[in-house]
């Protein structure tokens, strides 16, 4: 049962996200602050979008994204739109659907694995 999936080889790892240095990534408007743990090709992040954030690009990368707090608007290039609030997630594979981009009027904090 299930599907083939392999997490990169690593020991049991505990992450204190408050001690992971944040990097700032400007959007078309607002900014995103990423705290990132890279494990081989796997990237695990806590991302904080400022109020008024709009991504500066359309993304085709696959993600598992979980909203920790705030509200996130996800727009697909084909015009579909989704509002996610705390406790909601989305999952998409690399090139698995129309490209997407994020925005928020209120700000949002996310947990993302890609």
Protein backbone atom coordinates (compact mmCIF):
# COMPACT_ATOMS: atom_id res chain seq x y z
CA UNK A 1 0.00 0.00 0.00
CA UNK A 2 1.25 3.53 -0.63
CA UNK A 3 3.63 4.94 -3.16
CA UNK A 4 7.41 5.01 -3.50
CA UNK A 5 8.95 7.92 -1.63
CA UNK A 6 12.35 8.40 -0.18
CA UNK A 7 13.29 11.02 2.36
CA UNK A 8 16.99 11.86 2.15
CA UNK A 9 19.15 9.87 4.55
CA UNK A 10 19.58 11.72 7.85
CA UNK A 11 19.69 10.99 11.56
CA UNK A 12 16.81 11.90 13.87
CA UNK A 13 16.96 15.70 13.84
CA UNK A 14 15.23 18.21 16.12
CA UNK A 15 14.96 21.77 14.81
CA UNK A 16 14.55 24.83 17.04
CA UNK A 17 13.20 27.17 14.36
CA UNK A 18 13.83 30.23 16.55
CA UNK A 19 17.57 29.54 16.17
CA UNK A 20 17.53 29.16 12.38
CA UNK A 21 18.70 32.40 10.77
CA UNK A 22 16.06 34.09 8.63
CA UNK A 23 16.69 35.32 5.11
CA UNK A 24 14.55 38.04 3.51
CA UNK A 25 13.06 37.63 0.03
CA UNK A 26 11.26 40.63 -1.47
CA UNK A 27 8.00 40.05 -3.26
CA UNK A 28 6.39 42.20 -5.92
CA UNK A 29 4.98 43.85 -2.80
CA UNK A 30 5.89 43.05 0.80
CA UNK A 31 8.47 40.47 1.79
CA UNK A 32 8.93 36.87 2.85
CA UNK A 33 11.22 35.78 5.68
CA UNK A 34 12.44 32.19 5.35
CA UNK A 35 13.98 29.97 8.02
CA UNK A 36 15.32 27.06 5.98
CA UNK A 37 16.68 23.60 6.71
CA UNK A 38 18.22 21.92 3.65
CA UNK A 39 18.54 18.13 3.73
CA UNK A 40 19.98 16.93 0.43
CA UNK A 41 17.41 17.92 -2.20
CA UNK A 42 14.72 18.38 0.45
CA UNK A 43 13.99 21.89 1.74
CA UNK A 44 11.98 22.41 4.95
CA UNK A 45 10.98 26.00 5.82
CA UNK A 46 9.04 28.26 8.12
CA UNK A 47 8.03 31.19 5.93
CA UNK A 48 6.50 34.43 7.21
CA UNK A 49 4.77 36.68 4.65
CA UNK A 50 4.31 40.31 5.61
CA UNK A 51 0.86 41.90 5.27
CA UNK A 52 0.41 42.97 1.65
CA UNK A 53 2.82 40.33 0.29
CA UNK A 54 2.52 39.30 -3.38
CA UNK A 55 5.02 36.83 -4.85
CA UNK A 56 7.21 38.22 -7.61
CA UNK A 57 7.01 35.03 -9.71
CA UNK A 58 4.82 32.11 -10.77
CA UNK A 59 6.08 28.86 -9.25
CA UNK A 60 6.08 25.36 -10.78
CA UNK A 61 7.90 23.69 -7.89
CA UNK A 62 6.05 21.05 -5.89
CA UNK A 63 5.27 21.82 -2.25
CA UNK A 64 3.45 20.59 0.79
CA UNK A 65 2.37 23.84 2.42
CA UNK A 66 0.61 24.16 5.80
CA UNK A 67 -0.74 27.48 7.12
CA UNK A 68 0.29 27.94 10.76
CA UNK A 69 -1.37 31.34 11.17
CA UNK A 70 -2.93 34.10 9.11
CA UNK A 71 -4.51 33.82 5.66
CA UNK A 72 -2.89 32.88 2.37
CA UNK A 73 -4.32 33.42 -1.10
CA UNK A 74 -3.02 30.98 -3.71
CA UNK A 75 -3.68 31.87 -7.31
CA UNK A 76 -3.06 29.49 -10.19
CA UNK A 77 -1.98 30.88 -13.53
CA UNK A 78 -5.15 29.45 -15.12
CA UNK A 79 -7.26 31.77 -12.92
CA UNK A 80 -8.30 29.46 -10.08
CA UNK A 81 -7.98 30.99 -6.61
CA UNK A 82 -7.90 29.41 -3.16
CA UNK A 83 -8.00 31.02 0.30
CA UNK A 84 -6.24 29.04 3.01
CA UNK A 85 -6.49 29.83 6.70
CA UNK A 86 -4.68 28.45 9.75
CA UNK A 87 -4.96 24.67 9.83
CA UNK A 88 -5.32 24.28 6.04
CA UNK A 89 -2.76 22.96 3.55
CA UNK A 90 -2.19 22.38 -0.13
CA UNK A 91 -0.12 19.80 -1.93
CA UNK A 92 1.13 20.00 -5.51
CA UNK A 93 3.88 18.18 -7.41
CA UNK A 94 6.55 19.71 -9.62
CA UNK A 95 4.73 20.84 -12.77
CA UNK A 96 1.66 19.00 -11.39
CA UNK A 97 -0.84 21.72 -12.27
CA UNK A 98 -0.90 25.31 -13.46
CA UNK A 99 1.87 27.45 -11.95
CA UNK A 100 0.90 29.14 -8.70
CA UNK A 101 1.76 32.22 -6.67
CA UNK A 102 0.99 33.40 -3.17
CA UNK A 103 -0.31 36.61 -1.66
CA UNK A 104 -1.74 37.76 1.64
CA UNK A 105 -3.43 40.94 2.80
CA UNK A 106 -3.10 40.13 6.51
CA UNK A 107 0.21 38.24 6.67
CA UNK A 108 0.74 34.52 7.07
CA UNK A 109 3.13 32.02 8.62
CA UNK A 110 3.63 28.76 6.74
CA UNK A 111 5.41 25.44 7.14
CA UNK A 112 6.61 24.27 3.72
CA UNK A 113 8.33 21.09 2.56
CA UNK A 114 9.64 20.97 -1.01
